[in-house]
Amino acid sequence: MPDYAAQRFNMVESQVRTSDVPDGRIQAAMLEVPRERFIPVLQRALAYAETAVEIVPGRFLIEPRTLAKLLLLADLKLGESALVVGAGTGYSAALLGKLVASVTALESDVDLVRAASELLRSLNANNVKVVQGALSDGFKSSAPYDVIVIDTGVEEVPGTLLDQLADGGRLVAVVMNGSTLGQAHIYVRKGRNIGERQDFDAVAPILPGFRKAKAFVF
């Protein structure tokens, strides 16, 4: 039987610590949350690999390094509220549940909602609430949020999500500029204004519904 605890340790040591993620809280959360449980049985050999892992057709858990760096970029604080957009089976929400006060995990796929709810309940992630809805709409009922994490890549960030940030709130996502290239972006609300900056290079599969609308060419 695979020694997942050893694989988890090696993931943190070789993928997280070496990628400029010095935050001990993020490292501890990634050591504690069993990533393999959020991945289908036939894919579990890839649970701790340096790659995105498909959980259902077209939906992925992004690679551990990228997720750890996104969480670091978000500058998480214990008393904050967070929204995960495209929560999938709930892995990133489980991590965030150990780093902030409350998490809303938004997922559109009914089977993934069920899987995430069961997994998070089994791990006693009592401060994480799984909800179903259109991902690009966010979840206004629990807004505003101090942090929004878009789980996997996007081509653009909808204004509906930025509107749900609290003053001082941050949204982090991997913005893909093409099929193979992207950068992590952080958006910060200051009053009515939204600031944006690029950070580290990254690659992440694009979340359904987050592609740019194609312009008509005449």
Protein backbone atom coordinates (compact mmCIF):
# COMPACT_ATOMS: atom_id res chain seq x y z
CA MET A 1 0.00 0.00 0.00
CA PRO A 2 1.42 3.45 -0.86
CA ASP A 3 2.86 5.46 2.00
CA TYR A 4 0.91 8.64 1.38
CA ALA A 5 2.22 10.33 4.52
CA ALA A 6 5.78 9.98 3.20
CA GLN A 7 4.69 11.23 -0.22
CA ARG A 8 3.01 14.22 1.42
CA PHE A 9 6.18 15.04 3.33
CA ASN A 10 8.27 14.77 0.16
CA MET A 11 5.80 17.01 -1.68
CA VAL A 12 6.17 19.76 0.89
CA GLU A 13 9.94 19.40 1.08
CA SER A 14 10.63 19.21 -2.66
CA GLN A 15 7.78 21.20 -4.24
CA VAL A 16 6.66 23.74 -1.63
CA ARG A 17 9.69 24.70 0.48
CA THR A 18 11.91 24.91 -2.59
CA SER A 19 9.42 27.17 -4.41
CA ASP A 20 9.72 30.15 -2.07
CA VAL A 21 6.77 29.26 0.16
CA PRO A 22 8.23 29.85 3.64
CA ASP A 23 4.85 30.16 5.39
CA GLY A 24 4.84 27.45 8.05
CA ARG A 25 1.03 27.47 8.25
CA ILE A 26 0.68 26.61 4.56
CA GLN A 27 3.30 23.88 4.86
CA ALA A 28 1.57 22.43 7.93
CA ALA A 29 -1.83 22.43 6.21
CA MET A 30 -0.41 20.64 3.17
CA LEU A 31 1.24 18.07 5.43
CA GLU A 32 -2.03 17.45 7.26
CA VAL A 33 -4.64 17.33 4.48
CA PRO A 34 -4.59 13.95 2.65
CA ARG A 35 -4.54 15.08 -0.98
CA GLU A 36 -4.93 11.51 -2.24
CA ARG A 37 -8.46 11.31 -0.81
CA PHE A 38 -9.59 14.12 -3.11
CA ILE A 39 -8.44 12.23 -6.22
CA PRO A 40 -10.16 9.24 -7.91
CA VAL A 41 -8.66 5.89 -6.98
CA LEU A 42 -7.28 5.23 -10.47
CA GLN A 43 -5.43 8.56 -10.41
CA ARG A 44 -4.00 8.40 -6.91
CA ALA A 45 -0.52 7.46 -8.07
CA LEU A 46 -0.36 11.10 -9.25
CA ALA A 47 -1.64 12.59 -6.01
CA TYR A 48 1.71 14.11 -5.02
CA ALA A 49 3.28 14.51 -8.45
CA GLU A 50 4.29 17.89 -9.85
CA THR A 51 1.30 18.00 -12.16
CA ALA A 52 -2.37 18.88 -12.34
CA VAL A 53 -4.56 15.80 -11.80
CA GLU A 54 -7.89 15.26 -13.56
CA ILE A 55 -10.68 14.45 -11.09
CA VAL A 56 -13.56 14.30 -13.60
CA PRO A 57 -13.46 15.03 -17.34
CA GLY A 58 -12.33 18.62 -17.82
CA ARG A 59 -11.78 19.36 -14.12
CA PHE A 60 -8.47 19.26 -12.29
CA LEU A 61 -6.64 19.68 -9.01
CA ILE A 62 -3.82 22.07 -9.86
CA GLU A 63 -0.27 21.07 -9.03
CA PRO A 64 0.70 21.47 -5.35
CA ARG A 65 3.43 24.05 -6.02
CA THR A 66 1.03 26.39 -7.83
CA LEU A 67 -1.66 26.09 -5.17
CA ALA A 68 0.82 26.72 -2.34
CA LYS A 69 2.16 29.83 -4.07
CA LEU A 70 -1.38 31.12 -4.73
CA LEU A 71 -2.21 30.74 -1.03
CA LEU A 72 0.97 32.58 -0.11
CA LEU A 73 0.14 35.35 -2.59
CA ALA A 74 -3.30 35.74 -1.01
CA ASP A 75 -1.68 36.77 2.32
CA LEU A 76 -4.18 34.78 4.39
CA LYS A 77 -5.06 35.76 7.95
CA LEU A 78 -6.73 33.60 10.60
CA GLY A 79 -9.86 35.67 11.12
CA GLU A 80 -10.76 36.04 7.45
CA SER A 81 -13.50 34.63 5.23
CA ALA A 82 -12.70 32.98 1.90
CA LEU A 83 -14.50 31.84 -1.23
CA VAL A 84 -13.14 29.02 -3.40
CA VAL A 85 -14.49 29.18 -6.96
CA GLY A 86 -14.52 25.81 -8.68
CA ALA A 87 -13.93 23.82 -5.51
CA GLY A 88 -13.97 20.43 -7.24
CA THR A 89 -13.67 17.68 -4.66
CA GLY A 90 -12.69 20.22 -2.00
CA TYR A 91 -8.92 19.95 -1.58
CA SER A 92 -8.10 23.65 -1.72
CA ALA A 93 -11.10 24.42 0.49
CA ALA A 94 -9.79 21.93 3.06
CA LEU A 95 -6.42 23.70 3.07
CA LEU A 96 -8.02 27.12 3.39
CA GLY A 97 -10.16 25.85 6.26
CA LYS A 98 -6.95 25.48 8.26
CA LEU A 99 -5.73 28.98 7.36
CA VAL A 100 -8.79 31.26 7.72
CA ALA A 101 -11.92 31.45 9.86
CA SER A 102 -14.55 30.40 7.32
CA VAL A 103 -14.64 29.06 3.77
CA THR A 104 -17.40 28.92 1.18
CA ALA A 105 -16.59 26.27 -1.43
CA LEU A 106 -18.53 26.99 -4.64
CA GLU A 107 -19.00 24.20 -7.16
CA SER A 108 -21.36 23.87 -10.13
CA ASP A 109 -21.22 20.09 -10.69
CA VAL A 110 -23.73 18.26 -8.49
CA ASP A 111 -21.57 15.12 -8.21
CA LEU A 112 -18.55 17.16 -7.16
CA VAL A 113 -20.67 19.04 -4.63
CA ARG A 114 -21.68 15.72 -3.11
CA ALA A 115 -18.12 14.37 -3.11
CA ALA A 116 -16.66 17.54 -1.59
CA SER A 117 -19.34 17.68 1.11
CA GLU A 118 -18.69 14.08 2.14
CA LEU A 119 -14.90 14.40 2.10
CA LEU A 120 -14.84 17.64 4.08
CA ARG A 121 -17.29 16.26 6.62
CA SER A 122 -15.13 13.15 7.07
CA LEU A 123 -12.11 15.39 7.76
CA ASN A 124 -14.06 17.51 10.31
CA ALA A 125 -13.62 20.63 8.19
CA ASN A 126 -16.50 22.23 10.04
CA ASN A 127 -15.69 25.78 8.97
CA VAL A 128 -16.06 24.92 5.26
CA LYS A 129 -19.48 25.19 3.61
CA VAL A 130 -19.99 23.61 0.18
CA VAL A 131 -22.55 25.34 -2.05
CA GLN A 132 -23.75 24.76 -5.60
CA GLY A 133 -24.10 27.45 -8.23
CA ALA A 134 -22.72 28.98 -11.41
CA LEU A 135 -19.01 29.55 -10.82
CA SER A 136 -18.73 32.88 -12.59
CA ASP A 137 -21.56 34.27 -10.43
CA GLY A 138 -19.72 33.71 -7.17
CA PHE A 139 -21.87 33.30 -4.07
CA LYS A 140 -23.39 36.61 -3.03
CA SER A 141 -25.20 35.23 0.02
CA SER A 142 -21.97 34.98 1.99
CA ALA A 143 -20.21 38.01 0.46
CA PRO A 144 -18.16 40.08 0.93
CA TYR A 145 -15.05 37.91 1.21
CA ASP A 146 -11.58 38.78 2.41
CA VAL A 147 -10.10 36.27 -0.01
CA ILE A 148 -11.29 34.64 -3.23
CA VAL A 149 -9.30 31.77 -4.75
CA ILE A 150 -10.17 30.62 -8.26
CA ASP A 151 -9.20 26.97 -8.27
CA THR A 152 -7.34 26.31 -11.56
CA GLY A 153 -6.80 28.65 -14.48
CA VAL A 154 -8.85 31.37 -16.15
CA GLU A 155 -8.52 33.53 -19.24
CA GLU A 156 -10.26 36.41 -17.48
CA VAL A 157 -11.72 37.18 -14.06
CA PRO A 158 -15.42 38.14 -14.11
CA GLY A 159 -16.38 41.44 -12.52
CA THR A 160 -19.07 39.59 -10.57
CA LEU A 161 -16.34 37.95 -8.49
CA LEU A 162 -14.35 41.12 -7.95
CA ASP A 163 -17.57 42.80 -6.77
CA GLN A 164 -17.76 40.27 -3.93
CA LEU A 165 -14.43 41.28 -2.39
CA ALA A 166 -14.47 43.14 0.91
CA ASP A 167 -12.49 46.38 1.21
CA GLY A 168 -8.89 45.20 1.38
CA GLY A 169 -9.95 41.83 -0.04
CA ARG A 170 -7.75 39.86 -2.43
CA LEU A 171 -8.58 37.57 -5.34
CA VAL A 172 -5.90 35.21 -6.67
CA ALA A 173 -5.95 33.19 -9.87
CA VAL A 174 -3.71 31.81 -12.59
CA VAL A 175 -4.48 33.84 -15.70
CA MET A 176 -3.62 31.90 -18.84
CA ASN A 177 -2.41 33.91 -21.82
CA GLY A 178 -2.37 30.93 -24.14
CA SER A 179 -2.54 27.16 -24.01
CA THR A 180 0.81 26.76 -22.24
CA LEU A 181 1.66 30.05 -20.55
CA GLY A 182 0.20 31.90 -17.60
CA GLN A 183 0.95 34.03 -14.55
CA ALA A 184 -0.57 34.22 -11.13
CA HIS A 185 -2.47 37.49 -10.65
CA ILE A 186 -3.64 39.16 -7.48
CA TYR A 187 -6.50 41.66 -7.47
CA VAL A 188 -6.94 43.90 -4.41
CA ARG A 189 -9.98 46.04 -3.58
CA LYS A 190 -9.39 49.50 -2.12
CA GLY A 191 -12.74 51.19 -1.71
CA ARG A 192 -14.33 51.22 -5.15
CA ASN A 193 -11.06 50.57 -6.95
CA ILE A 194 -9.48 47.25 -7.92
CA GLY A 195 -5.71 47.01 -8.25
CA GLU A 196 -4.05 44.19 -10.15
CA ARG A 197 -0.53 42.84 -10.44
CA GLN A 198 1.16 39.79 -11.88
CA ASP A 199 3.32 37.53 -9.78
CA PHE A 200 4.87 34.12 -10.54
CA ASP A 201 4.71 32.12 -13.77
CA ALA A 202 2.34 29.17 -13.68
CA VAL A 203 0.29 26.83 -15.81
CA ALA A 204 -3.21 25.64 -14.88
CA PRO A 205 -6.07 24.04 -16.82
CA ILE A 206 -8.76 26.60 -17.57
CA LEU A 207 -11.92 26.35 -15.52
CA PRO A 208 -15.06 25.89 -17.65
CA GLY A 209 -16.86 29.20 -18.08
CA PHE A 210 -13.75 31.33 -17.61
CA ARG A 211 -12.57 31.71 -21.18
CA LYS A 212 -12.62 35.07 -22.90
CA ALA A 213 -15.52 35.65 -25.25
CA LYS A 214 -14.30 35.39 -28.83
CA ALA A 215 -14.44 38.66 -30.71
CA PHE A 216 -16.12 38.72 -34.11
CA VAL A 217 -13.80 39.32 -37.04
CA PHE A 218 -15.22 41.07 -40.10
